[in-house]
Amino acid sequence: MKTYSKRLKTYEKITFDTKEILAGMSRLKGARRKPTSIALEEGLLHDLKRLASKRGIPYQILMRLLIADGVKRLKQAA
């Protein structure tokens, strides 16, 4: 025998502060990115795509991570 729970009508109406929501969204959005263009050899691009698919991420994200890691290492070495 199926039993159903009654729908309660005791929920109160909730109001949200739009400014707080927008402020929270902008914090989560992260830093702005500027589109760039780079010419890569086909073999290197193929390797990047293969490595990215193994990790389950888009290859552009992998490229961004590798570049950020390289810049971080160069800064530490300087």
PDB file of N, CA and C in Angstrom:
ATOM      1  N   MET A   1       0.833  -1.176   0.000  1.00  0.00           N
ATOM      2  CA  MET A   1       0.000   0.000   0.000  1.00  0.00           C
ATOM      3  C   MET A   1       0.885   1.250   0.000  1.00  0.00           C
ATOM      4  N   LYS A   2       0.610   2.146  -0.924  1.00  0.00           N
ATOM      5  CA  LYS A   2       1.378   3.382  -1.021  1.00  0.00           C
ATOM      6  C   LYS A   2       0.867   4.387  -0.010  1.00  0.00           C
ATOM      7  N   THR A   3       1.813   5.083   0.591  1.00  0.00           N
ATOM      8  CA  THR A   3       1.424   6.161   1.495  1.00  0.00           C
ATOM      9  C   THR A   3       2.052   7.451   1.005  1.00  0.00           C
ATOM     10  N   TYR A   4       1.348   8.499   1.142  1.00  0.00           N
ATOM     11  CA  TYR A   4       1.819   9.796   0.689  1.00  0.00           C
ATOM     12  C   TYR A   4       1.874  10.746   1.877  1.00  0.00           C
ATOM     13  N   SER A   5       2.874  11.586   1.869  1.00  0.00           N
ATOM     14  CA  SER A   5       2.932  12.588   2.933  1.00  0.00           C
ATOM     15  C   SER A   5       2.131  13.810   2.500  1.00  0.00           C
ATOM     16  N   LYS A   6       1.548  14.438   3.447  1.00  0.00           N
ATOM     17  CA  LYS A   6       0.759  15.628   3.146  1.00  0.00           C
ATOM     18  C   LYS A   6       1.679  16.798   2.859  1.00  0.00           C
ATOM     19  N   ARG A   7       1.246  17.615   1.974  1.00  0.00           N
ATOM     20  CA  ARG A   7       1.996  18.815   1.647  1.00  0.00           C
ATOM     21  C   ARG A   7       1.672  19.890   2.671  1.00  0.00           C
ATOM     22  N   LEU A   8       2.699  20.348   3.339  1.00  0.00           N
ATOM     23  CA  LEU A   8       2.483  21.361   4.366  1.00  0.00           C
ATOM     24  C   LEU A   8       2.414  22.751   3.746  1.00  0.00           C
ATOM     25  N   LYS A   9       1.539  23.558   4.248  1.00  0.00           N
ATOM     26  CA  LYS A   9       1.416  24.928   3.762  1.00  0.00           C
ATOM     27  C   LYS A   9       1.982  25.908   4.778  1.00  0.00           C
ATOM     28  N   THR A  10       2.925  25.437   5.568  1.00  0.00           N
ATOM     29  CA  THR A  10       3.475  26.280   6.627  1.00  0.00           C
ATOM     30  C   THR A  10       4.786  26.945   6.229  1.00  0.00           C
ATOM     31  N   TYR A  11       5.172  26.848   4.974  1.00  0.00           N
ATOM     32  CA  TYR A  11       6.416  27.473   4.544  1.00  0.00           C
ATOM     33  C   TYR A  11       6.237  28.981   4.455  1.00  0.00           C
ATOM     34  N   GLU A  12       7.244  29.679   4.910  1.00  0.00           N
ATOM     35  CA  GLU A  12       7.190  31.129   4.868  1.00  0.00           C
ATOM     36  C   GLU A  12       7.811  31.627   3.570  1.00  0.00           C
ATOM     37  N   LYS A  13       7.362  32.770   3.143  1.00  0.00           N
ATOM     38  CA  LYS A  13       7.920  33.376   1.948  1.00  0.00           C
ATOM     39  C   LYS A  13       9.307  33.928   2.272  1.00  0.00           C
ATOM     40  N   ILE A  14      10.266  33.658   1.406  1.00  0.00           N
ATOM     41  CA  ILE A  14      11.649  34.083   1.632  1.00  0.00           C
ATOM     42  C   ILE A  14      11.979  35.213   0.667  1.00  0.00           C
ATOM     43  N   THR A  15      12.626  36.242   1.179  1.00  0.00           N
ATOM     44  CA  THR A  15      13.102  37.320   0.320  1.00  0.00           C
ATOM     45  C   THR A  15      14.621  37.317   0.338  1.00  0.00           C
ATOM     46  N   PHE A  16      15.200  37.550  -0.813  1.00  0.00           N
ATOM     47  CA  PHE A  16      16.646  37.561  -0.959  1.00  0.00           C
ATOM     48  C   PHE A  16      17.128  38.973  -1.244  1.00  0.00           C
ATOM     49  N   ASP A  17      18.288  39.303  -0.702  1.00  0.00           N
ATOM     50  CA  ASP A  17      18.912  40.591  -0.969  1.00  0.00           C
ATOM     51  C   ASP A  17      19.707  40.461  -2.265  1.00  0.00           C
ATOM     52  N   THR A  18      19.263  41.130  -3.305  1.00  0.00           N
ATOM     53  CA  THR A  18      19.887  41.023  -4.612  1.00  0.00           C
ATOM     54  C   THR A  18      21.344  41.457  -4.590  1.00  0.00           C
ATOM     55  N   LYS A  19      21.658  42.495  -3.846  1.00  0.00           N
ATOM     56  CA  LYS A  19      23.043  42.982  -3.787  1.00  0.00           C
ATOM     57  C   LYS A  19      23.969  41.931  -3.196  1.00  0.00           C
ATOM     58  N   GLU A  20      23.512  41.239  -2.156  1.00  0.00           N
ATOM     59  CA  GLU A  20      24.341  40.202  -1.541  1.00  0.00           C
ATOM     60  C   GLU A  20      24.545  39.031  -2.493  1.00  0.00           C
ATOM     61  N   ILE A  21      23.528  38.663  -3.224  1.00  0.00           N
ATOM     62  CA  ILE A  21      23.646  37.564  -4.181  1.00  0.00           C
ATOM     63  C   ILE A  21      24.634  37.926  -5.277  1.00  0.00           C
ATOM     64  N   LEU A  22      24.523  39.132  -5.827  1.00  0.00           N
ATOM     65  CA  LEU A  22      25.442  39.552  -6.885  1.00  0.00           C
ATOM     66  C   LEU A  22      26.871  39.654  -6.376  1.00  0.00           C
ATOM     67  N   ALA A  23      27.051  40.113  -5.140  1.00  0.00           N
ATOM     68  CA  ALA A  23      28.396  40.194  -4.562  1.00  0.00           C
ATOM     69  C   ALA A  23      28.986  38.798  -4.407  1.00  0.00           C
ATOM     70  N   GLY A  24      28.190  37.851  -3.977  1.00  0.00           N
ATOM     71  CA  GLY A  24      28.662  36.477  -3.839  1.00  0.00           C
ATOM     72  C   GLY A  24      29.006  35.854  -5.177  1.00  0.00           C
ATOM     73  N   MET A  25      28.205  36.139  -6.195  1.00  0.00           N
ATOM     74  CA  MET A  25      28.481  35.599  -7.524  1.00  0.00           C
ATOM     75  C   MET A  25      29.774  36.160  -8.084  1.00  0.00           C
ATOM     76  N   SER A  26      30.030  37.433  -7.863  1.00  0.00           N
ATOM     77  CA  SER A  26      31.253  38.029  -8.403  1.00  0.00           C
ATOM     78  C   SER A  26      32.482  37.470  -7.701  1.00  0.00           C
ATOM     79  N   ARG A  27      32.361  37.128  -6.415  1.00  0.00           N
ATOM     80  CA  ARG A  27      33.493  36.516  -5.707  1.00  0.00           C
ATOM     81  C   ARG A  27      33.783  35.133  -6.273  1.00  0.00           C
ATOM     82  N   LEU A  28      32.751  34.382  -6.606  1.00  0.00           N
ATOM     83  CA  LEU A  28      32.934  33.030  -7.109  1.00  0.00           C
ATOM     84  C   LEU A  28      33.354  32.997  -8.570  1.00  0.00           C
ATOM     85  N   LYS A  29      33.103  34.065  -9.287  1.00  0.00           N
ATOM     86  CA  LYS A  29      33.398  34.088 -10.715  1.00  0.00           C
ATOM     87  C   LYS A  29      34.882  33.950 -10.989  1.00  0.00           C
ATOM     88  N   GLY A  30      35.717  34.491 -10.134  1.00  0.00           N
ATOM     89  CA  GLY A  30      37.154  34.381 -10.322  1.00  0.00           C
ATOM     90  C   GLY A  30      37.692  35.526 -11.150  1.00  0.00           C
ATOM     91  N   ALA A  31      38.966  35.441 -11.435  1.00  0.00           N
ATOM     92  CA  ALA A  31      39.636  36.504 -12.182  1.00  0.00           C
ATOM     93  C   ALA A  31      39.204  36.470 -13.647  1.00  0.00           C
ATOM     94  N   ARG A  32      39.172  37.631 -14.232  1.00  0.00           N
ATOM     95  CA  ARG A  32      38.837  37.701 -15.656  1.00  0.00           C
ATOM     96  C   ARG A  32      39.983  37.146 -16.479  1.00  0.00           C
ATOM     97  N   ARG A  33      39.625  36.532 -17.574  1.00  0.00           N
ATOM     98  CA  ARG A  33      40.627  35.947 -18.459  1.00  0.00           C
ATOM     99  C   ARG A  33      40.587  36.676 -19.788  1.00  0.00           C
ATOM    100  N   LYS A  34      41.745  36.845 -20.369  1.00  0.00           N
ATOM    101  CA  LYS A  34      41.834  37.505 -21.660  1.00  0.00           C
ATOM    102  C   LYS A  34      42.146  36.442 -22.709  1.00  0.00           C
ATOM    103  N   PRO A  35      41.348  36.346 -23.747  1.00  0.00           N
ATOM    104  CA  PRO A  35      41.613  35.347 -24.781  1.00  0.00           C
ATOM    105  C   PRO A  35      42.932  35.628 -25.492  1.00  0.00           C
ATOM    106  N   THR A  36      43.681  34.578 -25.739  1.00  0.00           N
ATOM    107  CA  THR A  36      44.949  34.693 -26.446  1.00  0.00           C
ATOM    108  C   THR A  36      44.998  33.648 -27.546  1.00  0.00           C
ATOM    109  N   SER A  37      45.979  33.781 -28.396  1.00  0.00           N
ATOM    110  CA  SER A  37      46.159  32.829 -29.488  1.00  0.00           C
ATOM    111  C   SER A  37      47.599  32.346 -29.475  1.00  0.00           C
ATOM    112  N   ILE A  38      47.782  31.061 -29.708  1.00  0.00           N
ATOM    113  CA  ILE A  38      49.120  30.493 -29.737  1.00  0.00           C
ATOM    114  C   ILE A  38      49.153  29.412 -30.816  1.00  0.00           C
ATOM    115  N   ALA A  39      50.226  29.396 -31.586  1.00  0.00           N
ATOM    116  CA  ALA A  39      50.390  28.391 -32.635  1.00  0.00           C
ATOM    117  C   ALA A  39      51.225  27.238 -32.081  1.00  0.00           C
ATOM    118  N   LEU A  40      50.661  26.034 -32.110  1.00  0.00           N
ATOM    119  CA  LEU A  40      51.337  24.848 -31.596  1.00  0.00           C
ATOM    120  C   LEU A  40      51.514  23.825 -32.712  1.00  0.00           C
ATOM    121  N   GLU A  41      52.551  23.017 -32.581  1.00  0.00           N
ATOM    122  CA  GLU A  41      52.742  21.929 -33.529  1.00  0.00           C
ATOM    123  C   GLU A  41      51.595  20.927 -33.355  1.00  0.00           C
ATOM    124  N   GLU A  42      51.246  20.246 -34.444  1.00  0.00           N
ATOM    125  CA  GLU A  42      50.129  19.310 -34.377  1.00  0.00           C
ATOM    126  C   GLU A  42      50.388  18.189 -33.378  1.00  0.00           C
ATOM    127  N   GLY A  43      51.622  17.712 -33.316  1.00  0.00           N
ATOM    128  CA  GLY A  43      51.955  16.635 -32.387  1.00  0.00           C
ATOM    129  C   GLY A  43      51.779  17.058 -30.939  1.00  0.00           C
ATOM    130  N   LEU A  44      52.210  18.273 -30.625  1.00  0.00           N
ATOM    131  CA  LEU A  44      52.069  18.790 -29.266  1.00  0.00           C
ATOM    132  C   LEU A  44      50.595  18.958 -28.900  1.00  0.00           C
ATOM    133  N   LEU A  45      49.817  19.468 -29.836  1.00  0.00           N
ATOM    134  CA  LEU A  45      48.390  19.644 -29.590  1.00  0.00           C
ATOM    135  C   LEU A  45      47.709  18.288 -29.378  1.00  0.00           C
ATOM    136  N   HIS A  46      48.103  17.307 -30.180  1.00  0.00           N
ATOM    137  CA  HIS A  46      47.557  15.956 -30.031  1.00  0.00           C
ATOM    138  C   HIS A  46      47.897  15.389 -28.648  1.00  0.00           C
ATOM    139  N   ASP A  47      49.152  15.589 -28.216  1.00  0.00           N
ATOM    140  CA  ASP A  47      49.571  15.114 -26.893  1.00  0.00           C
ATOM    141  C   ASP A  47      48.784  15.806 -25.779  1.00  0.00           C
ATOM    142  N   LEU A  48      48.591  17.115 -25.907  1.00  0.00           N
ATOM    143  CA  LEU A  48      47.820  17.859 -24.905  1.00  0.00           C
ATOM    144  C   LEU A  48      46.389  17.326 -24.807  1.00  0.00           C
ATOM    145  N   LYS A  49      45.769  17.099 -25.950  1.00  0.00           N
ATOM    146  CA  LYS A  49      44.401  16.601 -25.958  1.00  0.00           C
ATOM    147  C   LYS A  49      44.320  15.205 -25.352  1.00  0.00           C
ATOM    148  N   ARG A  50      45.299  14.365 -25.648  1.00  0.00           N
ATOM    149  CA  ARG A  50      45.323  13.010 -25.105  1.00  0.00           C
ATOM    150  C   ARG A  50      45.486  13.040 -23.584  1.00  0.00           C
ATOM    151  N   LEU A  51      46.447  13.859 -23.111  1.00  0.00           N
ATOM    152  CA  LEU A  51      46.674  13.971 -21.668  1.00  0.00           C
ATOM    153  C   LEU A  51      45.454  14.546 -20.948  1.00  0.00           C
ATOM    154  N   ALA A  52      44.826  15.528 -21.574  1.00  0.00           N
ATOM    155  CA  ALA A  52      43.640  16.143 -20.965  1.00  0.00           C
ATOM    156  C   ALA A  52      42.485  15.145 -20.886  1.00  0.00           C
ATOM    157  N   SER A  53      42.309  14.346 -21.937  1.00  0.00           N
ATOM    158  CA  SER A  53      41.209  13.375 -21.909  1.00  0.00           C
ATOM    159  C   SER A  53      41.447  12.305 -20.851  1.00  0.00           C
ATOM    160  N   LYS A  54      42.712  11.948 -20.603  1.00  0.00           N
ATOM    161  CA  LYS A  54      43.013  10.989 -19.534  1.00  0.00           C
ATOM    162  C   LYS A  54      42.602  11.541 -18.175  1.00  0.00           C
ATOM    163  N   ARG A  55      42.735  12.859 -18.010  1.00  0.00           N
ATOM    164  CA  ARG A  55      42.394  13.496 -16.739  1.00  0.00           C
ATOM    165  C   ARG A  55      40.934  13.937 -16.682  1.00  0.00           C
ATOM    166  N   GLY A  56      40.246  13.847 -17.811  1.00  0.00           N
ATOM    167  CA  GLY A  56      38.831  14.215 -17.841  1.00  0.00           C
ATOM    168  C   GLY A  56      38.576  15.706 -17.828  1.00  0.00           C
ATOM    169  N   ILE A  57      39.513  16.493 -18.382  1.00  0.00           N
ATOM    170  CA  ILE A  57      39.347  17.946 -18.438  1.00  0.00           C
ATOM    171  C   ILE A  57      39.570  18.414 -19.870  1.00  0.00           C
ATOM    172  N   PRO A  58      39.034  19.564 -20.250  1.00  0.00           N
ATOM    173  CA  PRO A  58      39.304  20.105 -21.585  1.00  0.00           C
ATOM    174  C   PRO A  58      40.783  20.465 -21.742  1.00  0.00           C
ATOM    175  N   TYR A  59      41.293  20.339 -22.962  1.00  0.00           N
ATOM    176  CA  TYR A  59      42.721  20.577 -23.166  1.00  0.00           C
ATOM    177  C   TYR A  59      43.106  22.036 -22.940  1.00  0.00           C
ATOM    178  N   GLN A  60      42.177  22.974 -23.149  1.00  0.00           N
ATOM    179  CA  GLN A  60      42.497  24.378 -22.882  1.00  0.00           C
ATOM    180  C   GLN A  60      42.745  24.606 -21.393  1.00  0.00           C
ATOM    181  N   ILE A  61      41.992  23.923 -20.558  1.00  0.00           N
ATOM    182  CA  ILE A  61      42.191  24.031 -19.109  1.00  0.00           C
ATOM    183  C   ILE A  61      43.549  23.453 -18.734  1.00  0.00           C
ATOM    184  N   LEU A  62      43.901  22.316 -19.331  1.00  0.00           N
ATOM    185  CA  LEU A  62      45.213  21.717 -19.068  1.00  0.00           C
ATOM    186  C   LEU A  62      46.328  22.663 -19.488  1.00  0.00           C
ATOM    187  N   MET A  63      46.180  23.304 -20.641  1.00  0.00           N
ATOM    188  CA  MET A  63      47.194  24.267 -21.089  1.00  0.00           C
ATOM    189  C   MET A  63      47.313  25.411 -20.088  1.00  0.00           C
ATOM    190  N   ARG A  64      46.190  25.929 -19.608  1.00  0.00           N
ATOM    191  CA  ARG A  64      46.209  27.026 -18.644  1.00  0.00           C
ATOM    192  C   ARG A  64      46.908  26.604 -17.354  1.00  0.00           C
ATOM    193  N   LEU A  65      46.626  25.374 -16.892  1.00  0.00           N
ATOM    194  CA  LEU A  65      47.271  24.877 -15.678  1.00  0.00           C
ATOM    195  C   LEU A  65      48.776  24.729 -15.865  1.00  0.00           C
ATOM    196  N   LEU A  66      49.187  24.207 -17.013  1.00  0.00           N
ATOM    197  CA  LEU A  66      50.614  24.029 -17.278  1.00  0.00           C
ATOM    198  C   LEU A  66      51.337  25.371 -17.366  1.00  0.00           C
ATOM    199  N   ILE A  67      50.724  26.334 -18.013  1.00  0.00           N
ATOM    200  CA  ILE A  67      51.339  27.663 -18.128  1.00  0.00           C
ATOM    201  C   ILE A  67      51.435  28.315 -16.752  1.00  0.00           C
ATOM    202  N   ALA A  68      50.364  28.225 -15.967  1.00  0.00           N
ATOM    203  CA  ALA A  68      50.378  28.819 -14.626  1.00  0.00           C
ATOM    204  C   ALA A  68      51.447  28.170 -13.754  1.00  0.00           C
ATOM    205  N   ASP A  69      51.595  26.849 -13.862  1.00  0.00           N
ATOM    206  CA  ASP A  69      52.616  26.149 -13.085  1.00  0.00           C
ATOM    207  C   ASP A  69      54.016  26.569 -13.525  1.00  0.00           C
ATOM    208  N   GLY A  70      54.223  26.708 -14.835  1.00  0.00           N
ATOM    209  CA  GLY A  70      55.525  27.141 -15.338  1.00  0.00           C
ATOM    210  C   GLY A  70      55.885  28.544 -14.885  1.00  0.00           C
ATOM    211  N   VAL A  71      54.923  29.447 -14.920  1.00  0.00           N
ATOM    212  CA  VAL A  71      55.166  30.825 -14.472  1.00  0.00           C
ATOM    213  C   VAL A  71      55.476  30.843 -12.977  1.00  0.00           C
ATOM    214  N   LYS A  72      54.749  30.042 -12.210  1.00  0.00           N
ATOM    215  CA  LYS A  72      54.990  29.971 -10.764  1.00  0.00           C
ATOM    216  C   LYS A  72      56.408  29.486 -10.480  1.00  0.00           C
ATOM    217  N   ARG A  73      56.852  28.472 -11.220  1.00  0.00           N
ATOM    218  CA  ARG A  73      58.211  27.946 -11.022  1.00  0.00           C
ATOM    219  C   ARG A  73      59.273  28.966 -11.422  1.00  0.00           C
ATOM    220  N   LEU A  74      59.029  29.697 -12.497  1.00  0.00           N
ATOM    221  CA  LEU A  74      59.988  30.725 -12.917  1.00  0.00           C
ATOM    222  C   LEU A  74      60.087  31.836 -11.878  1.00  0.00           C
ATOM    223  N   LYS A  75      58.958  32.210 -11.290  1.00  0.00           N
ATOM    224  CA  LYS A  75      58.970  33.241 -10.248  1.00  0.00           C
ATOM    225  C   LYS A  75      59.747  32.772  -9.025  1.00  0.00           C
ATOM    226  N   GLN A  76      59.580  31.513  -8.654  1.00  0.00           N
ATOM    227  CA  GLN A  76      60.285  30.979  -7.491  1.00  0.00           C
ATOM    228  C   GLN A  76      61.784  30.887  -7.747  1.00  0.00           C
ATOM    229  N   ALA A  77      62.170  30.599  -8.984  1.00  0.00           N
ATOM    230  CA  ALA A  77      63.588  30.462  -9.318  1.00  0.00           C
ATOM    231  C   ALA A  77      64.282  31.816  -9.369  1.00  0.00           C
ATOM    232  N   ALA A  78      63.523  32.867  -9.643  1.00  0.00           N
ATOM    233  CA  ALA A  78      64.118  34.205  -9.777  1.00  0.00           C
ATOM    234  C   ALA A  78      64.470  34.828  -8.467  1.00  0.00           C
TER     235      ALA A  78
END
